[in-house]
């Protein structure tokens, strides 16, 4: 486990917005090795989200993780995208 995980500047605001609409959020940023930044639970569904800034690009470990993961994972860049993914914003 990485001790000083780097998170994108919009990480905290996205997590706060998800929690504000009633979602459960587990921060996974310290896991590292390409694992997505957060696990979100909302209305009985789970969502894996990689948080990036508008200009942020995936690292090689993230690309590998997303390629080999057989479930869903999405990249979100702002609050609206994150809320749209879980269906809290149409």
PDB file of N, CA and C in Angstrom:
ATOM      1  N   UNK A   1       0.832  -1.172   0.000  1.00  0.00           N
ATOM      2  CA  UNK A   1       0.000   0.000   0.000  1.00  0.00           C
ATOM      3  C   UNK A   1       0.880   1.239   0.000  1.00  0.00           C
ATOM      4  N   UNK A   2       0.538   2.192  -0.833  1.00  0.00           N
ATOM      5  CA  UNK A   2       1.286   3.440  -0.874  1.00  0.00           C
ATOM      6  C   UNK A   2       0.866   4.313   0.295  1.00  0.00           C
ATOM      7  N   UNK A   3       1.824   4.936   0.941  1.00  0.00           N
ATOM      8  CA  UNK A   3       1.519   5.774   2.102  1.00  0.00           C
ATOM      9  C   UNK A   3       1.139   7.200   1.713  1.00  0.00           C
ATOM     10  N   UNK A   4       1.799   7.753   0.726  1.00  0.00           N
ATOM     11  CA  UNK A   4       1.547   9.129   0.316  1.00  0.00           C
ATOM     12  C   UNK A   4       0.922   9.157  -1.065  1.00  0.00           C
ATOM     13  N   UNK A   5      -0.283   8.639  -1.173  1.00  0.00           N
ATOM     14  CA  UNK A   5      -0.946   8.576  -2.465  1.00  0.00           C
ATOM     15  C   UNK A   5      -1.247   9.980  -2.972  1.00  0.00           C
ATOM     16  N   UNK A   6      -0.920  10.209  -4.222  1.00  0.00           N
ATOM     17  CA  UNK A   6      -1.218  11.490  -4.846  1.00  0.00           C
ATOM     18  C   UNK A   6      -2.653  11.439  -5.357  1.00  0.00           C
ATOM     19  N   UNK A   7      -3.430  12.434  -4.996  1.00  0.00           N
ATOM     20  CA  UNK A   7      -4.797  12.520  -5.501  1.00  0.00           C
ATOM     21  C   UNK A   7      -4.931  13.800  -6.319  1.00  0.00           C
ATOM     22  N   UNK A   8      -5.831  13.777  -7.282  1.00  0.00           N
ATOM     23  CA  UNK A   8      -6.045  14.946  -8.121  1.00  0.00           C
ATOM     24  C   UNK A   8      -6.719  16.057  -7.325  1.00  0.00           C
ATOM     25  N   UNK A   9      -6.552  17.285  -7.788  1.00  0.00           N
ATOM     26  CA  UNK A   9      -7.048  18.464  -7.076  1.00  0.00           C
ATOM     27  C   UNK A   9      -8.561  18.444  -6.882  1.00  0.00           C
ATOM     28  N   UNK A  10      -9.290  17.776  -7.753  1.00  0.00           N
ATOM     29  CA  UNK A  10     -10.748  17.726  -7.666  1.00  0.00           C
ATOM     30  C   UNK A  10     -11.280  16.536  -6.876  1.00  0.00           C
ATOM     31  N   UNK A  11     -10.397  15.737  -6.336  1.00  0.00           N
ATOM     32  CA  UNK A  11     -10.765  14.519  -5.607  1.00  0.00           C
ATOM     33  C   UNK A  11     -11.725  14.809  -4.449  1.00  0.00           C
ATOM     34  N   UNK A  12     -11.354  15.718  -3.572  1.00  0.00           N
ATOM     35  CA  UNK A  12     -12.153  15.980  -2.369  1.00  0.00           C
ATOM     36  C   UNK A  12     -13.535  16.534  -2.705  1.00  0.00           C
ATOM     37  N   UNK A  13     -13.616  17.414  -3.691  1.00  0.00           N
ATOM     38  CA  UNK A  13     -14.910  18.014  -4.029  1.00  0.00           C
ATOM     39  C   UNK A  13     -15.842  16.980  -4.668  1.00  0.00           C
ATOM     40  N   UNK A  14     -15.305  16.075  -5.457  1.00  0.00           N
ATOM     41  CA  UNK A  14     -16.123  15.016  -6.054  1.00  0.00           C
ATOM     42  C   UNK A  14     -16.621  14.064  -4.973  1.00  0.00           C
ATOM     43  N   UNK A  15     -15.748  13.664  -4.069  1.00  0.00           N
ATOM     44  CA  UNK A  15     -16.150  12.781  -2.971  1.00  0.00           C
ATOM     45  C   UNK A  15     -17.229  13.456  -2.124  1.00  0.00           C
ATOM     46  N   UNK A  16     -17.049  14.717  -1.800  1.00  0.00           N
ATOM     47  CA  UNK A  16     -18.026  15.445  -0.983  1.00  0.00           C
ATOM     48  C   UNK A  16     -19.383  15.517  -1.683  1.00  0.00           C
ATOM     49  N   UNK A  17     -19.393  15.780  -2.984  1.00  0.00           N
ATOM     50  CA  UNK A  17     -20.652  15.874  -3.727  1.00  0.00           C
ATOM     51  C   UNK A  17     -21.375  14.532  -3.763  1.00  0.00           C
ATOM     52  N   UNK A  18     -20.635  13.457  -3.949  1.00  0.00           N
ATOM     53  CA  UNK A  18     -21.244  12.123  -3.947  1.00  0.00           C
ATOM     54  C   UNK A  18     -21.860  11.818  -2.587  1.00  0.00           C
ATOM     55  N   UNK A  19     -21.155  12.125  -1.535  1.00  0.00           N
ATOM     56  CA  UNK A  19     -21.686  11.890  -0.186  1.00  0.00           C
ATOM     57  C   UNK A  19     -22.904  12.769   0.091  1.00  0.00           C
ATOM     58  N   UNK A  20     -22.910  13.967  -0.446  1.00  0.00           N
ATOM     59  CA  UNK A  20     -24.018  14.896  -0.227  1.00  0.00           C
ATOM     60  C   UNK A  20     -25.332  14.361  -0.811  1.00  0.00           C
ATOM     61  N   UNK A  21     -25.262  13.604  -1.891  1.00  0.00           N
ATOM     62  CA  UNK A  21     -26.489  13.042  -2.467  1.00  0.00           C
ATOM     63  C   UNK A  21     -26.835  11.684  -1.866  1.00  0.00           C
ATOM     64  N   UNK A  22     -26.074  11.254  -0.864  1.00  0.00           N
ATOM     65  CA  UNK A  22     -26.393  10.013  -0.155  1.00  0.00           C
ATOM     66  C   UNK A  22     -25.588   8.801  -0.553  1.00  0.00           C
ATOM     67  N   UNK A  23     -24.574   8.972  -1.376  1.00  0.00           N
ATOM     68  CA  UNK A  23     -23.735   7.843  -1.780  1.00  0.00           C
ATOM     69  C   UNK A  23     -22.725   7.511  -0.685  1.00  0.00           C
ATOM     70  N   UNK A  24     -22.379   6.243  -0.594  1.00  0.00           N
ATOM     71  CA  UNK A  24     -21.268   5.807   0.244  1.00  0.00           C
ATOM     72  C   UNK A  24     -20.015   5.884  -0.609  1.00  0.00           C
ATOM     73  N   UNK A  25     -18.924   6.381  -0.041  1.00  0.00           N
ATOM     74  CA  UNK A  25     -17.687   6.500  -0.804  1.00  0.00           C
ATOM     75  C   UNK A  25     -16.538   5.910   0.006  1.00  0.00           C
ATOM     76  N   UNK A  26     -15.854   4.945  -0.576  1.00  0.00           N
ATOM     77  CA  UNK A  26     -14.651   4.366   0.021  1.00  0.00           C
ATOM     78  C   UNK A  26     -13.464   4.847  -0.794  1.00  0.00           C
ATOM     79  N   UNK A  27     -12.568   5.566  -0.152  1.00  0.00           N
ATOM     80  CA  UNK A  27     -11.390   6.086  -0.838  1.00  0.00           C
ATOM     81  C   UNK A  27     -10.381   4.964  -1.019  1.00  0.00           C
ATOM     82  N   UNK A  28      -9.991   4.704  -2.255  1.00  0.00           N
ATOM     83  CA  UNK A  28      -9.039   3.636  -2.579  1.00  0.00           C
ATOM     84  C   UNK A  28      -7.702   4.177  -3.078  1.00  0.00           C
ATOM     85  N   UNK A  29      -7.524   5.479  -3.016  1.00  0.00           N
ATOM     86  CA  UNK A  29      -6.333   6.100  -3.596  1.00  0.00           C
ATOM     87  C   UNK A  29      -5.030   5.520  -3.054  1.00  0.00           C
ATOM     88  N   UNK A  30      -5.012   5.122  -1.813  1.00  0.00           N
ATOM     89  CA  UNK A  30      -3.774   4.592  -1.224  1.00  0.00           C
ATOM     90  C   UNK A  30      -3.448   3.170  -1.667  1.00  0.00           C
ATOM     91  N   UNK A  31      -4.387   2.504  -2.305  1.00  0.00           N
ATOM     92  CA  UNK A  31      -4.132   1.138  -2.771  1.00  0.00           C
ATOM     93  C   UNK A  31      -3.036   1.139  -3.826  1.00  0.00           C
ATOM     94  N   UNK A  32      -3.093   2.110  -4.744  1.00  0.00           N
ATOM     95  CA  UNK A  32      -2.068   2.211  -5.780  1.00  0.00           C
ATOM     96  C   UNK A  32      -2.158   1.097  -6.799  1.00  0.00           C
ATOM     97  N   UNK A  33      -1.092   0.844  -7.503  1.00  0.00           N
ATOM     98  CA  UNK A  33      -0.978  -0.210  -8.508  1.00  0.00           C
ATOM     99  C   UNK A  33      -2.052  -0.114  -9.583  1.00  0.00           C
ATOM    100  N   UNK A  34      -2.540   1.104  -9.862  1.00  0.00           N
ATOM    101  CA  UNK A  34      -3.525   1.300 -10.913  1.00  0.00           C
ATOM    102  C   UNK A  34      -4.963   1.188 -10.476  1.00  0.00           C
ATOM    103  N   UNK A  35      -5.192   0.801  -9.232  1.00  0.00           N
ATOM    104  CA  UNK A  35      -6.551   0.666  -8.715  1.00  0.00           C
ATOM    105  C   UNK A  35      -7.260   2.021  -8.783  1.00  0.00           C
ATOM    106  N   UNK A  36      -8.551   2.047  -9.156  1.00  0.00           N
ATOM    107  CA  UNK A  36      -9.275   3.319  -9.215  1.00  0.00           C
ATOM    108  C   UNK A  36      -9.277   4.051  -7.878  1.00  0.00           C
ATOM    109  N   UNK A  37      -9.550   5.349  -7.932  1.00  0.00           N
ATOM    110  CA  UNK A  37      -9.475   6.202  -6.751  1.00  0.00           C
ATOM    111  C   UNK A  37     -10.565   5.970  -5.718  1.00  0.00           C
ATOM    112  N   UNK A  38     -11.800   5.703  -6.170  1.00  0.00           N
ATOM    113  CA  UNK A  38     -12.900   5.551  -5.216  1.00  0.00           C
ATOM    114  C   UNK A  38     -13.846   4.429  -5.625  1.00  0.00           C
ATOM    115  N   UNK A  39     -14.468   3.847  -4.607  1.00  0.00           N
ATOM    116  CA  UNK A  39     -15.562   2.891  -4.764  1.00  0.00           C
ATOM    117  C   UNK A  39     -16.792   3.589  -4.229  1.00  0.00           C
ATOM    118  N   UNK A  40     -17.834   3.678  -5.050  1.00  0.00           N
ATOM    119  CA  UNK A  40     -19.047   4.400  -4.688  1.00  0.00           C
ATOM    120  C   UNK A  40     -20.213   3.425  -4.644  1.00  0.00           C
ATOM    121  N   UNK A  41     -20.992   3.489  -3.581  1.00  0.00           N
ATOM    122  CA  UNK A  41     -22.215   2.714  -3.476  1.00  0.00           C
ATOM    123  C   UNK A  41     -23.397   3.663  -3.484  1.00  0.00           C
ATOM    124  N   UNK A  42     -24.381   3.392  -4.357  1.00  0.00           N
ATOM    125  CA  UNK A  42     -25.540   4.276  -4.447  1.00  0.00           C
ATOM    126  C   UNK A  42     -26.741   3.480  -4.941  1.00  0.00           C
ATOM    127  N   UNK A  43     -27.788   3.490  -4.141  1.00  0.00           N
ATOM    128  CA  UNK A  43     -29.045   2.815  -4.492  1.00  0.00           C
ATOM    129  C   UNK A  43     -28.831   1.362  -4.912  1.00  0.00           C
ATOM    130  N   UNK A  44     -28.029   0.660  -4.135  1.00  0.00           N
ATOM    131  CA  UNK A  44     -27.820  -0.767  -4.363  1.00  0.00           C
ATOM    132  C   UNK A  44     -26.815  -1.120  -5.452  1.00  0.00           C
ATOM    133  N   UNK A  45     -26.147  -0.137  -6.013  1.00  0.00           N
ATOM    134  CA  UNK A  45     -25.163  -0.390  -7.063  1.00  0.00           C
ATOM    135  C   UNK A  45     -23.784   0.089  -6.611  1.00  0.00           C
ATOM    136  N   UNK A  46     -22.756  -0.540  -7.151  1.00  0.00           N
ATOM    137  CA  UNK A  46     -21.371  -0.146  -6.880  1.00  0.00           C
ATOM    138  C   UNK A  46     -20.741   0.421  -8.143  1.00  0.00           C
ATOM    139  N   UNK A  47     -19.909   1.420  -7.964  1.00  0.00           N
ATOM    140  CA  UNK A  47     -19.235   2.079  -9.081  1.00  0.00           C
ATOM    141  C   UNK A  47     -17.775   2.303  -8.713  1.00  0.00           C
ATOM    142  N   UNK A  48     -16.876   1.914  -9.599  1.00  0.00           N
ATOM    143  CA  UNK A  48     -15.462   2.222  -9.447  1.00  0.00           C
ATOM    144  C   UNK A  48     -15.160   3.439 -10.302  1.00  0.00           C
ATOM    145  N   UNK A  49     -14.549   4.459  -9.670  1.00  0.00           N
ATOM    146  CA  UNK A  49     -14.260   5.689 -10.395  1.00  0.00           C
ATOM    147  C   UNK A  49     -12.795   6.076 -10.256  1.00  0.00           C
ATOM    148  N   UNK A  50     -12.227   6.420 -11.384  1.00  0.00           N
ATOM    149  CA  UNK A  50     -10.901   7.008 -11.433  1.00  0.00           C
ATOM    150  C   UNK A  50     -11.112   8.503 -11.603  1.00  0.00           C
ATOM    151  N   UNK A  51     -10.588   9.310 -10.699  1.00  0.00           N
ATOM    152  CA  UNK A  51     -10.759  10.756 -10.756  1.00  0.00           C
ATOM    153  C   UNK A  51      -9.550  11.380 -11.442  1.00  0.00           C
ATOM    154  N   UNK A  52      -9.835  12.190 -12.443  1.00  0.00           N
ATOM    155  CA  UNK A  52      -8.791  12.916 -13.170  1.00  0.00           C
ATOM    156  C   UNK A  52      -9.215  14.377 -13.297  1.00  0.00           C
ATOM    157  N   UNK A  53      -8.243  15.251 -13.414  1.00  0.00           N
ATOM    158  CA  UNK A  53      -8.542  16.641 -13.731  1.00  0.00           C
ATOM    159  C   UNK A  53      -8.836  16.722 -15.228  1.00  0.00           C
ATOM    160  N   UNK A  54      -9.227  17.887 -15.701  1.00  0.00           N
ATOM    161  CA  UNK A  54      -9.556  18.037 -17.126  1.00  0.00           C
ATOM    162  C   UNK A  54      -8.412  17.632 -18.037  1.00  0.00           C
ATOM    163  N   UNK A  55      -7.180  17.899 -17.619  1.00  0.00           N
ATOM    164  CA  UNK A  55      -6.025  17.566 -18.455  1.00  0.00           C
ATOM    165  C   UNK A  55      -5.287  16.314 -17.981  1.00  0.00           C
ATOM    166  N   UNK A  56      -5.788  15.694 -16.917  1.00  0.00           N
ATOM    167  CA  UNK A  56      -5.118  14.532 -16.349  1.00  0.00           C
ATOM    168  C   UNK A  56      -5.146  13.327 -17.274  1.00  0.00           C
ATOM    169  N   UNK A  57      -4.058  12.584 -17.266  1.00  0.00           N
ATOM    170  CA  UNK A  57      -3.947  11.381 -18.095  1.00  0.00           C
ATOM    171  C   UNK A  57      -3.679  10.172 -17.217  1.00  0.00           C
ATOM    172  N   UNK A  58      -4.127   9.035 -17.666  1.00  0.00           N
ATOM    173  CA  UNK A  58      -3.923   7.793 -16.933  1.00  0.00           C
ATOM    174  C   UNK A  58      -2.447   7.405 -16.921  1.00  0.00           C
ATOM    175  N   UNK A  59      -2.014   6.848 -15.807  1.00  0.00           N
ATOM    176  CA  UNK A  59      -0.657   6.333 -15.703  1.00  0.00           C
ATOM    177  C   UNK A  59      -0.615   4.940 -16.335  1.00  0.00           C
ATOM    178  N   UNK A  60       0.566   4.428 -16.583  1.00  0.00           N
ATOM    179  CA  UNK A  60       0.676   3.075 -17.141  1.00  0.00           C
ATOM    180  C   UNK A  60       0.029   2.024 -16.245  1.00  0.00           C
ATOM    181  N   UNK A  61       0.239   2.072 -14.909  1.00  0.00           N
ATOM    182  CA  UNK A  61      -0.452   1.094 -14.060  1.00  0.00           C
ATOM    183  C   UNK A  61      -1.983   1.221 -14.136  1.00  0.00           C
ATOM    184  N   UNK A  62      -2.492   2.446 -14.258  1.00  0.00           N
ATOM    185  CA  UNK A  62      -3.941   2.624 -14.371  1.00  0.00           C
ATOM    186  C   UNK A  62      -4.462   2.050 -15.685  1.00  0.00           C
ATOM    187  N   UNK A  63      -3.747   2.288 -16.754  1.00  0.00           N
ATOM    188  CA  UNK A  63      -4.151   1.735 -18.052  1.00  0.00           C
ATOM    189  C   UNK A  63      -4.193   0.216 -17.980  1.00  0.00           C
ATOM    190  N   UNK A  64      -3.172  -0.385 -17.388  1.00  0.00           N
ATOM    191  CA  UNK A  64      -3.129  -1.844 -17.262  1.00  0.00           C
ATOM    192  C   UNK A  64      -4.281  -2.352 -16.405  1.00  0.00           C
ATOM    193  N   UNK A  65      -4.523  -1.708 -15.279  1.00  0.00           N
ATOM    194  CA  UNK A  65      -5.597  -2.139 -14.372  1.00  0.00           C
ATOM    195  C   UNK A  65      -6.942  -2.058 -15.088  1.00  0.00           C
ATOM    196  N   UNK A  66      -7.223  -0.943 -15.743  1.00  0.00           N
ATOM    197  CA  UNK A  66      -8.497  -0.755 -16.434  1.00  0.00           C
ATOM    198  C   UNK A  66      -8.660  -1.742 -17.586  1.00  0.00           C
ATOM    199  N   UNK A  67      -7.552  -2.092 -18.249  1.00  0.00           N
ATOM    200  CA  UNK A  67      -7.597  -3.029 -19.361  1.00  0.00           C
ATOM    201  C   UNK A  67      -7.955  -4.442 -18.893  1.00  0.00           C
ATOM    202  N   UNK A  68      -7.385  -4.853 -17.778  1.00  0.00           N
ATOM    203  CA  UNK A  68      -7.572  -6.233 -17.336  1.00  0.00           C
ATOM    204  C   UNK A  68      -8.747  -6.432 -16.393  1.00  0.00           C
ATOM    205  N   UNK A  69      -9.301  -5.350 -15.840  1.00  0.00           N
ATOM    206  CA  UNK A  69     -10.462  -5.460 -14.945  1.00  0.00           C
ATOM    207  C   UNK A  69     -11.671  -5.899 -15.762  1.00  0.00           C
ATOM    208  N   UNK A  70     -12.376  -6.927 -15.297  1.00  0.00           N
ATOM    209  CA  UNK A  70     -13.496  -7.462 -16.065  1.00  0.00           C
ATOM    210  C   UNK A  70     -14.836  -6.858 -15.662  1.00  0.00           C
ATOM    211  N   UNK A  71     -14.814  -5.946 -14.717  1.00  0.00           N
ATOM    212  CA  UNK A  71     -16.023  -5.221 -14.343  1.00  0.00           C
ATOM    213  C   UNK A  71     -15.960  -3.821 -14.922  1.00  0.00           C
ATOM    214  N   UNK A  72     -16.854  -2.959 -14.449  1.00  0.00           N
ATOM    215  CA  UNK A  72     -16.871  -1.593 -14.961  1.00  0.00           C
ATOM    216  C   UNK A  72     -16.013  -0.674 -14.116  1.00  0.00           C
ATOM    217  N   UNK A  73     -15.437   0.295 -14.778  1.00  0.00           N
ATOM    218  CA  UNK A  73     -14.696   1.371 -14.121  1.00  0.00           C
ATOM    219  C   UNK A  73     -14.808   2.585 -15.037  1.00  0.00           C
ATOM    220  N   UNK A  74     -15.056   3.752 -14.447  1.00  0.00           N
ATOM    221  CA  UNK A  74     -15.210   4.957 -15.253  1.00  0.00           C
ATOM    222  C   UNK A  74     -14.243   6.033 -14.785  1.00  0.00           C
ATOM    223  N   UNK A  75     -13.875   6.894 -15.718  1.00  0.00           N
ATOM    224  CA  UNK A  75     -13.049   8.054 -15.398  1.00  0.00           C
ATOM    225  C   UNK A  75     -13.988   9.248 -15.299  1.00  0.00           C
ATOM    226  N   UNK A  76     -13.905   9.970 -14.182  1.00  0.00           N
ATOM    227  CA  UNK A  76     -14.708  11.182 -14.009  1.00  0.00           C
ATOM    228  C   UNK A  76     -13.769  12.360 -13.807  1.00  0.00           C
ATOM    229  N   UNK A  77     -14.168  13.505 -14.335  1.00  0.00           N
ATOM    230  CA  UNK A  77     -13.319  14.689 -14.287  1.00  0.00           C
ATOM    231  C   UNK A  77     -13.940  15.835 -13.504  1.00  0.00           C
ATOM    232  N   UNK A  78     -15.224  15.708 -13.153  1.00  0.00           N
ATOM    233  CA  UNK A  78     -15.863  16.761 -12.371  1.00  0.00           C
ATOM    234  C   UNK A  78     -17.079  16.200 -11.636  1.00  0.00           C
ATOM    235  N   UNK A  79     -17.678  17.036 -10.806  1.00  0.00           N
ATOM    236  CA  UNK A  79     -18.821  16.620  -9.993  1.00  0.00           C
ATOM    237  C   UNK A  79     -19.974  16.157 -10.867  1.00  0.00           C
ATOM    238  N   UNK A  80     -20.301  16.911 -11.907  1.00  0.00           N
ATOM    239  CA  UNK A  80     -21.432  16.533 -12.758  1.00  0.00           C
ATOM    240  C   UNK A  80     -21.252  15.151 -13.379  1.00  0.00           C
ATOM    241  N   UNK A  81     -20.047  14.843 -13.846  1.00  0.00           N
ATOM    242  CA  UNK A  81     -19.802  13.514 -14.420  1.00  0.00           C
ATOM    243  C   UNK A  81     -20.007  12.426 -13.376  1.00  0.00           C
ATOM    244  N   UNK A  82     -19.486  12.637 -12.189  1.00  0.00           N
ATOM    245  CA  UNK A  82     -19.618  11.631 -11.131  1.00  0.00           C
ATOM    246  C   UNK A  82     -21.078  11.418 -10.760  1.00  0.00           C
ATOM    247  N   UNK A  83     -21.825  12.497 -10.614  1.00  0.00           N
ATOM    248  CA  UNK A  83     -23.240  12.376 -10.266  1.00  0.00           C
ATOM    249  C   UNK A  83     -24.038  11.748 -11.406  1.00  0.00           C
ATOM    250  N   UNK A  84     -23.670  12.039 -12.627  1.00  0.00           N
ATOM    251  CA  UNK A  84     -24.336  11.435 -13.792  1.00  0.00           C
ATOM    252  C   UNK A  84     -24.104   9.918 -13.813  1.00  0.00           C
ATOM    253  N   UNK A  85     -22.889   9.490 -13.531  1.00  0.00           N
ATOM    254  CA  UNK A  85     -22.559   8.059 -13.551  1.00  0.00           C
ATOM    255  C   UNK A  85     -23.462   7.280 -12.605  1.00  0.00           C
ATOM    256  N   UNK A  86     -23.714   7.823 -11.420  1.00  0.00           N
ATOM    257  CA  UNK A  86     -24.532   7.085 -10.439  1.00  0.00           C
ATOM    258  C   UNK A  86     -26.032   7.326 -10.630  1.00  0.00           C
ATOM    259  N   UNK A  87     -26.382   8.194 -11.560  1.00  0.00           N
ATOM    260  CA  UNK A  87     -27.799   8.451 -11.820  1.00  0.00           C
ATOM    261  C   UNK A  87     -28.422   9.506 -10.926  1.00  0.00           C
ATOM    262  N   UNK A  88     -27.600  10.264 -10.218  1.00  0.00           N
ATOM    263  CA  UNK A  88     -28.120  11.314  -9.344  1.00  0.00           C
ATOM    264  C   UNK A  88     -28.291  12.620 -10.097  1.00  0.00           C
ATOM    265  N   UNK A  89     -27.810  12.676 -11.326  1.00  0.00           N
ATOM    266  CA  UNK A  89     -27.922  13.871 -12.174  1.00  0.00           C
ATOM    267  C   UNK A  89     -28.240  13.387 -13.575  1.00  0.00           C
ATOM    268  N   UNK A  90     -29.296  13.865 -14.106  1.00  0.00           N
ATOM    269  CA  UNK A  90     -29.716  13.424 -15.452  1.00  0.00           C
ATOM    270  C   UNK A  90     -29.365  14.456 -16.493  1.00  0.00           C
TER     271      UNK A  90
END
